[in-house]
PDB file of N, CA and C in Angstrom:
ATOM      1  N   UNK A   1     206.964 -87.394  73.609  1.00  0.00           N
ATOM      2  CA  UNK A   1     207.792 -86.456  74.224  1.00  0.00           C
ATOM      3  C   UNK A   1     208.752 -86.978  73.960  1.00  0.00           C
ATOM      4  N   UNK A   2     209.997 -86.377  73.488  1.00  0.00           N
ATOM      5  CA  UNK A   2     211.542 -86.995  73.697  1.00  0.00           C
ATOM      6  C   UNK A   2     212.294 -86.926  75.008  1.00  0.00           C
ATOM      7  N   UNK A   3     213.360 -87.551  75.125  1.00  0.00           N
ATOM      8  CA  UNK A   3     213.733 -87.633  76.543  1.00  0.00           C
ATOM      9  C   UNK A   3     214.359 -85.850  77.035  1.00  0.00           C
ATOM     10  N   UNK A   4     214.791 -85.119  75.863  1.00  0.00           N
ATOM     11  CA  UNK A   4     215.315 -83.604  76.316  1.00  0.00           C
ATOM     12  C   UNK A   4     214.207 -83.099  75.870  1.00  0.00           C
ATOM     13  N   UNK A   5     213.143 -83.107  75.892  1.00  0.00           N
ATOM     14  CA  UNK A   5     211.696 -82.310  75.839  1.00  0.00           C
ATOM     15  C   UNK A   5     211.115 -83.006  77.144  1.00  0.00           C
ATOM     16  N   UNK A   6     211.111 -84.214  77.737  1.00  0.00           N
ATOM     17  CA  UNK A   6     210.947 -84.498  78.696  1.00  0.00           C
ATOM     18  C   UNK A   6     211.913 -84.080  80.311  1.00  0.00           C
ATOM     19  N   UNK A   7     213.248 -83.562  79.822  1.00  0.00           N
ATOM     20  CA  UNK A   7     213.948 -83.087  81.027  1.00  0.00           C
ATOM     21  C   UNK A   7     213.788 -81.542  80.849  1.00  0.00           C
ATOM     22  N   UNK A   8     213.305 -81.228  79.792  1.00  0.00           N
ATOM     23  CA  UNK A   8     212.979 -79.827  79.644  1.00  0.00           C
ATOM     24  C   UNK A   8     211.850 -79.209  80.535  1.00  0.00           C
ATOM     25  N   UNK A   9     211.068 -80.005  80.292  1.00  0.00           N
ATOM     26  CA  UNK A   9     209.813 -79.034  81.041  1.00  0.00           C
ATOM     27  C   UNK A   9     209.923 -79.863  82.464  1.00  0.00           C
ATOM     28  N   UNK A  10     210.446 -80.899  82.494  1.00  0.00           N
ATOM     29  CA  UNK A  10     211.074 -81.326  84.461  1.00  0.00           C
ATOM     30  C   UNK A  10     211.474 -79.893  85.066  1.00  0.00           C
ATOM     31  N   UNK A  11     212.333 -79.771  84.187  1.00  0.00           N
ATOM     32  CA  UNK A  11     212.846 -78.812  84.738  1.00  0.00           C
ATOM     33  C   UNK A  11     212.004 -77.293  85.168  1.00  0.00           C
ATOM     34  N   UNK A  12     211.126 -77.060  83.803  1.00  0.00           N
ATOM     35  CA  UNK A  12     210.735 -76.123  84.254  1.00  0.00           C
ATOM     36  C   UNK A  12     209.510 -76.196  84.963  1.00  0.00           C
ATOM     37  N   UNK A  13     209.141 -77.017  85.012  1.00  0.00           N
ATOM     38  CA  UNK A  13     208.021 -77.403  86.323  1.00  0.00           C
ATOM     39  C   UNK A  13     208.687 -77.223  87.930  1.00  0.00           C
ATOM     40  N   UNK A  14     209.990 -77.614  88.073  1.00  0.00           N
ATOM     41  CA  UNK A  14     210.895 -77.038  88.985  1.00  0.00           C
ATOM     42  C   UNK A  14     210.909 -76.171  89.455  1.00  0.00           C
ATOM     43  N   UNK A  15     211.238 -75.171  88.461  1.00  0.00           N
ATOM     44  CA  UNK A  15     211.595 -74.030  88.820  1.00  0.00           C
ATOM     45  C   UNK A  15     210.542 -72.623  89.291  1.00  0.00           C
ATOM     46  N   UNK A  16     209.536 -73.515  88.125  1.00  0.00           N
ATOM     47  CA  UNK A  16     207.931 -72.943  88.298  1.00  0.00           C
ATOM     48  C   UNK A  16     207.527 -73.116  89.703  1.00  0.00           C
ATOM     49  N   UNK A  17     207.595 -74.485  90.327  1.00  0.00           N
ATOM     50  CA  UNK A  17     207.342 -74.711  91.735  1.00  0.00           C
ATOM     51  C   UNK A  17     207.848 -73.833  92.764  1.00  0.00           C
ATOM     52  N   UNK A  18     209.324 -73.696  92.282  1.00  0.00           N
ATOM     53  CA  UNK A  18     209.850 -73.052  93.844  1.00  0.00           C
ATOM     54  C   UNK A  18     209.619 -71.382  93.264  1.00  0.00           C
ATOM     55  N   UNK A  19     209.564 -71.298  92.431  1.00  0.00           N
ATOM     56  CA  UNK A  19     208.927 -69.623  92.444  1.00  0.00           C
ATOM     57  C   UNK A  19     207.721 -69.411  93.092  1.00  0.00           C
ATOM     58  N   UNK A  20     206.761 -70.095  93.177  1.00  0.00           N
ATOM     59  CA  UNK A  20     205.410 -70.110  93.763  1.00  0.00           C
ATOM     60  C   UNK A  20     205.471 -69.942  95.285  1.00  0.00           C
ATOM     61  N   UNK A  21     206.618 -71.231  95.577  1.00  0.00           N
ATOM     62  CA  UNK A  21     206.819 -71.854  96.764  1.00  0.00           C
ATOM     63  C   UNK A  21     207.806 -70.538  97.894  1.00  0.00           C
ATOM     64  N   UNK A  22     208.225 -69.484  96.501  1.00  0.00           N
ATOM     65  CA  UNK A  22     209.058 -67.965  97.397  1.00  0.00           C
ATOM     66  C   UNK A  22     208.129 -67.106  97.557  1.00  0.00           C
ATOM     67  N   UNK A  23     206.424 -67.489  96.878  1.00  0.00           N
ATOM     68  CA  UNK A  23     205.834 -66.337  96.947  1.00  0.00           C
ATOM     69  C   UNK A  23     205.818 -65.397  95.776  1.00  0.00           C
ATOM     70  N   UNK A  24     206.102 -65.601  94.682  1.00  0.00           N
ATOM     71  CA  UNK A  24     206.796 -64.736  93.730  1.00  0.00           C
ATOM     72  C   UNK A  24     205.120 -64.409  92.765  1.00  0.00           C
ATOM     73  N   UNK A  25     204.893 -63.681  92.392  1.00  0.00           N
ATOM     74  CA  UNK A  25     203.671 -63.071  91.591  1.00  0.00           C
ATOM     75  C   UNK A  25     203.628 -63.397  90.401  1.00  0.00           C
ATOM     76  N   UNK A  26     204.734 -63.341  89.728  1.00  0.00           N
ATOM     77  CA  UNK A  26     205.483 -62.964  88.142  1.00  0.00           C
ATOM     78  C   UNK A  26     206.576 -64.372  87.916  1.00  0.00           C
ATOM     79  N   UNK A  27     206.487 -65.021  86.994  1.00  0.00           N
ATOM     80  CA  UNK A  27     207.287 -65.280  86.616  1.00  0.00           C
ATOM     81  C   UNK A  27     207.693 -65.491  85.020  1.00  0.00           C
ATOM     82  N   UNK A  28     209.364 -65.122  84.686  1.00  0.00           N
ATOM     83  CA  UNK A  28     209.243 -64.927  82.906  1.00  0.00           C
ATOM     84  C   UNK A  28     210.265 -65.804  82.692  1.00  0.00           C
ATOM     85  N   UNK A  29     209.843 -66.893  82.099  1.00  0.00           N
ATOM     86  CA  UNK A  29     210.701 -67.833  81.579  1.00  0.00           C
ATOM     87  C   UNK A  29     211.194 -67.604  80.527  1.00  0.00           C
ATOM     88  N   UNK A  30     212.177 -68.452  79.512  1.00  0.00           N
ATOM     89  CA  UNK A  30     212.772 -68.166  78.191  1.00  0.00           C
ATOM     90  C   UNK A  30     212.688 -70.108  77.749  1.00  0.00           C
ATOM     91  N   UNK A  31     211.979 -70.362  76.913  1.00  0.00           N
ATOM     92  CA  UNK A  31     211.921 -71.642  76.715  1.00  0.00           C
ATOM     93  C   UNK A  31     212.462 -71.153  74.960  1.00  0.00           C
ATOM     94  N   UNK A  32     213.654 -72.536  74.672  1.00  0.00           N
ATOM     95  CA  UNK A  32     214.191 -72.314  73.319  1.00  0.00           C
ATOM     96  C   UNK A  32     213.585 -74.040  72.373  1.00  0.00           C
ATOM     97  N   UNK A  33     213.595 -73.631  71.236  1.00  0.00           N
ATOM     98  CA  UNK A  33     213.348 -75.376  70.590  1.00  0.00           C
ATOM     99  C   UNK A  33     214.316 -75.038  69.243  1.00  0.00           C
ATOM    100  N   UNK A  34     214.710 -75.865  68.769  1.00  0.00           N
ATOM    101  CA  UNK A  34     215.017 -76.169  67.892  1.00  0.00           C
ATOM    102  C   UNK A  34     214.288 -76.061  66.475  1.00  0.00           C
ATOM    103  N   UNK A  35     214.656 -75.228  65.534  1.00  0.00           N
ATOM    104  CA  UNK A  35     213.819 -75.078  64.191  1.00  0.00           C
ATOM    105  C   UNK A  35     214.383 -75.720  63.183  1.00  0.00           C
ATOM    106  N   UNK A  36     213.570 -77.612  62.872  1.00  0.00           N
ATOM    107  CA  UNK A  36     214.108 -77.411  61.548  1.00  0.00           C
ATOM    108  C   UNK A  36     213.606 -77.319  60.315  1.00  0.00           C
ATOM    109  N   UNK A  37     212.548 -76.173  59.977  1.00  0.00           N
ATOM    110  CA  UNK A  37     212.246 -75.554  59.092  1.00  0.00           C
ATOM    111  C   UNK A  37     211.210 -74.821  59.272  1.00  0.00           C
ATOM    112  N   UNK A  38     211.506 -73.267  59.078  1.00  0.00           N
ATOM    113  CA  UNK A  38     211.184 -71.934  60.041  1.00  0.00           C
ATOM    114  C   UNK A  38     209.718 -71.788  58.811  1.00  0.00           C
ATOM    115  N   UNK A  39     209.376 -72.285  57.985  1.00  0.00           N
ATOM    116  CA  UNK A  39     208.740 -71.674  56.941  1.00  0.00           C
ATOM    117  C   UNK A  39     207.685 -72.868  57.211  1.00  0.00           C
ATOM    118  N   UNK A  40     207.521 -73.788  58.436  1.00  0.00           N
ATOM    119  CA  UNK A  40     206.438 -74.889  57.415  1.00  0.00           C
ATOM    120  C   UNK A  40     205.705 -74.239  59.235  1.00  0.00           C
ATOM    121  N   UNK A  41     204.763 -74.550  59.112  1.00  0.00           N
ATOM    122  CA  UNK A  41     203.351 -74.438  60.319  1.00  0.00           C
ATOM    123  C   UNK A  41     203.464 -76.054  60.812  1.00  0.00           C
ATOM    124  N   UNK A  42     203.386 -76.094  62.139  1.00  0.00           N
ATOM    125  CA  UNK A  42     203.629 -76.912  63.001  1.00  0.00           C
ATOM    126  C   UNK A  42     203.794 -77.187  64.585  1.00  0.00           C
ATOM    127  N   UNK A  43     202.744 -77.857  64.710  1.00  0.00           N
ATOM    128  CA  UNK A  43     203.034 -77.809  66.582  1.00  0.00           C
ATOM    129  C   UNK A  43     204.680 -77.885  67.276  1.00  0.00           C
ATOM    130  N   UNK A  44     204.115 -76.911  68.356  1.00  0.00           N
ATOM    131  CA  UNK A  44     205.955 -76.809  68.922  1.00  0.00           C
ATOM    132  C   UNK A  44     205.463 -77.914  70.083  1.00  0.00           C
ATOM    133  N   UNK A  45     205.454 -79.101  69.675  1.00  0.00           N
ATOM    134  CA  UNK A  45     204.736 -79.550  71.245  1.00  0.00           C
ATOM    135  C   UNK A  45     205.976 -80.386  72.451  1.00  0.00           C
ATOM    136  N   UNK A  46     207.357 -79.496  72.376  1.00  0.00           N
ATOM    137  CA  UNK A  46     208.302 -79.747  73.437  1.00  0.00           C
ATOM    138  C   UNK A  46     208.157 -77.782  74.185  1.00  0.00           C
ATOM    139  N   UNK A  47     207.646 -77.448  73.505  1.00  0.00           N
ATOM    140  CA  UNK A  47     207.521 -75.918  73.711  1.00  0.00           C
ATOM    141  C   UNK A  47     205.900 -75.877  74.972  1.00  0.00           C
ATOM    142  N   UNK A  48     204.879 -76.582  74.749  1.00  0.00           N
ATOM    143  CA  UNK A  48     203.990 -76.991  74.450  1.00  0.00           C
ATOM    144  C   UNK A  48     203.684 -77.514  75.861  1.00  0.00           C
ATOM    145  N   UNK A  49     204.555 -78.881  75.930  1.00  0.00           N
ATOM    146  CA  UNK A  49     204.684 -79.331  77.256  1.00  0.00           C
ATOM    147  C   UNK A  49     205.545 -78.778  78.420  1.00  0.00           C
ATOM    148  N   UNK A  50     206.701 -77.816  77.751  1.00  0.00           N
ATOM    149  CA  UNK A  50     206.815 -76.938  79.115  1.00  0.00           C
ATOM    150  C   UNK A  50     206.177 -75.913  79.508  1.00  0.00           C
ATOM    151  N   UNK A  51     205.368 -75.529  78.434  1.00  0.00           N
ATOM    152  CA  UNK A  51     204.041 -74.366  79.294  1.00  0.00           C
ATOM    153  C   UNK A  51     203.168 -75.101  80.106  1.00  0.00           C
ATOM    154  N   UNK A  52     203.201 -76.213  80.103  1.00  0.00           N
ATOM    155  CA  UNK A  52     201.440 -77.104  80.511  1.00  0.00           C
ATOM    156  C   UNK A  52     202.450 -76.559  82.099  1.00  0.00           C
ATOM    157  N   UNK A  53     203.822 -77.891  82.081  1.00  0.00           N
ATOM    158  CA  UNK A  53     204.269 -78.003  83.347  1.00  0.00           C
ATOM    159  C   UNK A  53     204.510 -77.226  84.212  1.00  0.00           C
ATOM    160  N   UNK A  54     204.788 -75.458  83.501  1.00  0.00           N
ATOM    161  CA  UNK A  54     204.331 -74.559  84.445  1.00  0.00           C
ATOM    162  C   UNK A  54     203.513 -74.294  84.784  1.00  0.00           C
ATOM    163  N   UNK A  55     202.181 -74.273  83.905  1.00  0.00           N
ATOM    164  CA  UNK A  55     200.861 -74.210  84.793  1.00  0.00           C
ATOM    165  C   UNK A  55     200.102 -75.360  85.124  1.00  0.00           C
ATOM    166  N   UNK A  56     200.998 -76.327  85.382  1.00  0.00           N
ATOM    167  CA  UNK A  56     200.194 -77.015  86.711  1.00  0.00           C
ATOM    168  C   UNK A  56     201.158 -76.581  87.747  1.00  0.00           C
ATOM    169  N   UNK A  57     202.114 -76.047  88.115  1.00  0.00           N
ATOM    170  CA  UNK A  57     202.579 -75.581  89.511  1.00  0.00           C
ATOM    171  C   UNK A  57     201.746 -74.416  89.841  1.00  0.00           C
ATOM    172  N   UNK A  58     201.027 -74.124  89.126  1.00  0.00           N
ATOM    173  CA  UNK A  58     199.568 -72.809  89.889  1.00  0.00           C
ATOM    174  C   UNK A  58     200.137 -70.959  88.759  1.00  0.00           C
ATOM    175  N   UNK A  59     201.031 -71.848  88.092  1.00  0.00           N
ATOM    176  CA  UNK A  59     201.148 -70.381  87.113  1.00  0.00           C
ATOM    177  C   UNK A  59     199.946 -70.623  85.870  1.00  0.00           C
ATOM    178  N   UNK A  60     199.598 -68.982  85.118  1.00  0.00           N
ATOM    179  CA  UNK A  60     198.808 -69.155  83.859  1.00  0.00           C
ATOM    180  C   UNK A  60     199.800 -67.916  82.884  1.00  0.00           C
ATOM    181  N   UNK A  61     199.886 -68.341  81.911  1.00  0.00           N
ATOM    182  CA  UNK A  61     200.790 -67.693  80.645  1.00  0.00           C
ATOM    183  C   UNK A  61     199.879 -66.629  80.701  1.00  0.00           C
ATOM    184  N   UNK A  62     200.523 -65.290  80.850  1.00  0.00           N
ATOM    185  CA  UNK A  62     199.361 -64.030  80.595  1.00  0.00           C
ATOM    186  C   UNK A  62     200.251 -63.775  79.283  1.00  0.00           C
ATOM    187  N   UNK A  63     201.193 -63.549  78.665  1.00  0.00           N
ATOM    188  CA  UNK A  63     201.708 -62.974  77.311  1.00  0.00           C
ATOM    189  C   UNK A  63     203.028 -63.912  76.719  1.00  0.00           C
ATOM    190  N   UNK A  64     203.519 -63.174  75.978  1.00  0.00           N
ATOM    191  CA  UNK A  64     204.508 -63.995  75.278  1.00  0.00           C
ATOM    192  C   UNK A  64     205.260 -63.319  74.238  1.00  0.00           C
ATOM    193  N   UNK A  65     206.562 -63.453  73.779  1.00  0.00           N
ATOM    194  CA  UNK A  65     207.049 -62.995  72.746  1.00  0.00           C
ATOM    195  C   UNK A  65     208.006 -63.783  72.282  1.00  0.00           C
ATOM    196  N   UNK A  66     207.941 -63.746  70.606  1.00  0.00           N
ATOM    197  CA  UNK A  66     208.530 -65.322  70.515  1.00  0.00           C
ATOM    198  C   UNK A  66     209.733 -64.446  69.247  1.00  0.00           C
ATOM    199  N   UNK A  67     211.183 -64.478  69.153  1.00  0.00           N
ATOM    200  CA  UNK A  67     212.144 -64.540  68.347  1.00  0.00           C
ATOM    201  C   UNK A  67     213.046 -65.450  67.290  1.00  0.00           C
ATOM    202  N   UNK A  68     213.217 -65.888  66.217  1.00  0.00           N
ATOM    203  CA  UNK A  68     213.924 -66.460  65.475  1.00  0.00           C
ATOM    204  C   UNK A  68     215.332 -66.244  65.149  1.00  0.00           C
ATOM    205  N   UNK A  69     216.488 -67.049  65.286  1.00  0.00           N
ATOM    206  CA  UNK A  69     218.048 -66.864  65.235  1.00  0.00           C
ATOM    207  C   UNK A  69     218.528 -68.294  64.931  1.00  0.00           C
ATOM    208  N   UNK A  70     220.051 -67.522  64.398  1.00  0.00           N
ATOM    209  CA  UNK A  70     220.885 -68.814  64.103  1.00  0.00           C
ATOM    210  C   UNK A  70     221.791 -69.603  64.631  1.00  0.00           C
ATOM    211  N   UNK A  71     222.029 -70.542  64.621  1.00  0.00           N
ATOM    212  CA  UNK A  71     223.066 -71.046  66.003  1.00  0.00           C
ATOM    213  C   UNK A  71     224.659 -70.583  65.251  1.00  0.00           C
ATOM    214  N   UNK A  72     225.851 -70.417  66.005  1.00  0.00           N
ATOM    215  CA  UNK A  72     226.782 -70.380  64.937  1.00  0.00           C
ATOM    216  C   UNK A  72     227.179 -71.640  64.025  1.00  0.00           C
ATOM    217  N   UNK A  73     226.646 -72.948  64.310  1.00  0.00           N
ATOM    218  CA  UNK A  73     226.730 -74.354  63.494  1.00  0.00           C
ATOM    219  C   UNK A  73     225.750 -74.440  62.035  1.00  0.00           C
ATOM    220  N   UNK A  74     224.746 -72.842  62.102  1.00  0.00           N
ATOM    221  CA  UNK A  74     224.098 -72.745  60.813  1.00  0.00           C
ATOM    222  C   UNK A  74     222.600 -73.315  61.648  1.00  0.00           C
ATOM    223  N   UNK A  75     222.294 -73.273  62.534  1.00  0.00           N
ATOM    224  CA  UNK A  75     220.989 -74.388  63.012  1.00  0.00           C
ATOM    225  C   UNK A  75     220.015 -73.504  63.121  1.00  0.00           C
ATOM    226  N   UNK A  76     218.623 -73.254  63.216  1.00  0.00           N
ATOM    227  CA  UNK A  76     218.212 -72.468  63.834  1.00  0.00           C
ATOM    228  C   UNK A  76     217.131 -72.304  64.909  1.00  0.00           C
ATOM    229  N   UNK A  77     216.871 -71.661  65.808  1.00  0.00           N
ATOM    230  CA  UNK A  77     216.543 -71.614  66.866  1.00  0.00           C
ATOM    231  C   UNK A  77     215.401 -70.703  67.442  1.00  0.00           C
ATOM    232  N   UNK A  78     214.449 -71.145  68.008  1.00  0.00           N
ATOM    233  CA  UNK A  78     213.218 -70.415  68.524  1.00  0.00           C
ATOM    234  C   UNK A  78     213.156 -70.279  69.747  1.00  0.00           C
ATOM    235  N   UNK A  79     213.215 -68.968  70.391  1.00  0.00           N
ATOM    236  CA  UNK A  79     212.705 -68.422  71.844  1.00  0.00           C
ATOM    237  C   UNK A  79     211.777 -67.484  71.925  1.00  0.00           C
ATOM    238  N   UNK A  80     211.095 -68.629  72.890  1.00  0.00           N
ATOM    239  CA  UNK A  80     209.831 -68.203  73.613  1.00  0.00           C
ATOM    240  C   UNK A  80     209.708 -67.375  74.403  1.00  0.00           C
ATOM    241  N   UNK A  81     209.716 -65.901  75.145  1.00  0.00           N
ATOM    242  CA  UNK A  81     210.188 -65.680  76.174  1.00  0.00           C
ATOM    243  C   UNK A  81     208.167 -65.048  76.837  1.00  0.00           C
ATOM    244  N   UNK A  82     208.047 -66.030  78.291  1.00  0.00           N
ATOM    245  CA  UNK A  82     206.757 -65.841  78.460  1.00  0.00           C
ATOM    246  C   UNK A  82     206.723 -65.818  79.471  1.00  0.00           C
ATOM    247  N   UNK A  83     205.221 -64.368  79.773  1.00  0.00           N
ATOM    248  CA  UNK A  83     205.110 -63.932  81.472  1.00  0.00           C
ATOM    249  C   UNK A  83     204.142 -64.642  81.524  1.00  0.00           C
ATOM    250  N   UNK A  84     204.573 -65.248  83.174  1.00  0.00           N
ATOM    251  CA  UNK A  84     203.243 -65.793  83.719  1.00  0.00           C
ATOM    252  C   UNK A  84     202.871 -65.554  85.004  1.00  0.00           C
ATOM    253  N   UNK A  85     201.697 -65.431  85.008  1.00  0.00           N
ATOM    254  CA  UNK A  85     201.625 -64.848  86.634  1.00  0.00           C
ATOM    255  C   UNK A  85     200.393 -65.862  87.232  1.00  0.00           C
ATOM    256  N   UNK A  86     200.616 -65.602  88.627  1.00  0.00           N
ATOM    257  CA  UNK A  86     200.332 -66.551  89.464  1.00  0.00           C
ATOM    258  C   UNK A  86     198.922 -66.763  89.771  1.00  0.00           C
ATOM    259  N   UNK A  87     198.116 -67.767  89.751  1.00  0.00           N
ATOM    260  CA  UNK A  87     196.787 -68.304  89.404  1.00  0.00           C
ATOM    261  C   UNK A  87     196.195 -67.442  90.893  1.00  0.00           C
ATOM    262  N   UNK A  88     194.940 -67.075  90.825  1.00  0.00           N
ATOM    263  CA  UNK A  88     193.716 -66.929  91.826  1.00  0.00           C
ATOM    264  C   UNK A  88     193.869 -68.429  92.758  1.00  0.00           C
ATOM    265  N   UNK A  89     193.859 -68.107  94.041  1.00  0.00           N
ATOM    266  CA  UNK A  89     193.381 -69.588  94.625  1.00  0.00           C
ATOM    267  C   UNK A  89     191.861 -69.360  95.089  1.00  0.00           C
TER     268      UNK A  89
END
């Protein structure tokens, strides 16, 4: 994993741990990944690492929605909005 994806995963894990410690039962998190070719099928390793970081903090992915868009510079981005629920202990 590259340093950018590593930093994103660390931040996602940190936020997830904070929400868990606050007693939240639902966590909604938006993940954004650069998309070099929207026509290709390929693993989204950066997103997977971030989701794993959230799940490691006591959450379970419940639902996900995806959107694709273009940036002002012409690049493409994928946004995933994920609903996590607190794991039962």
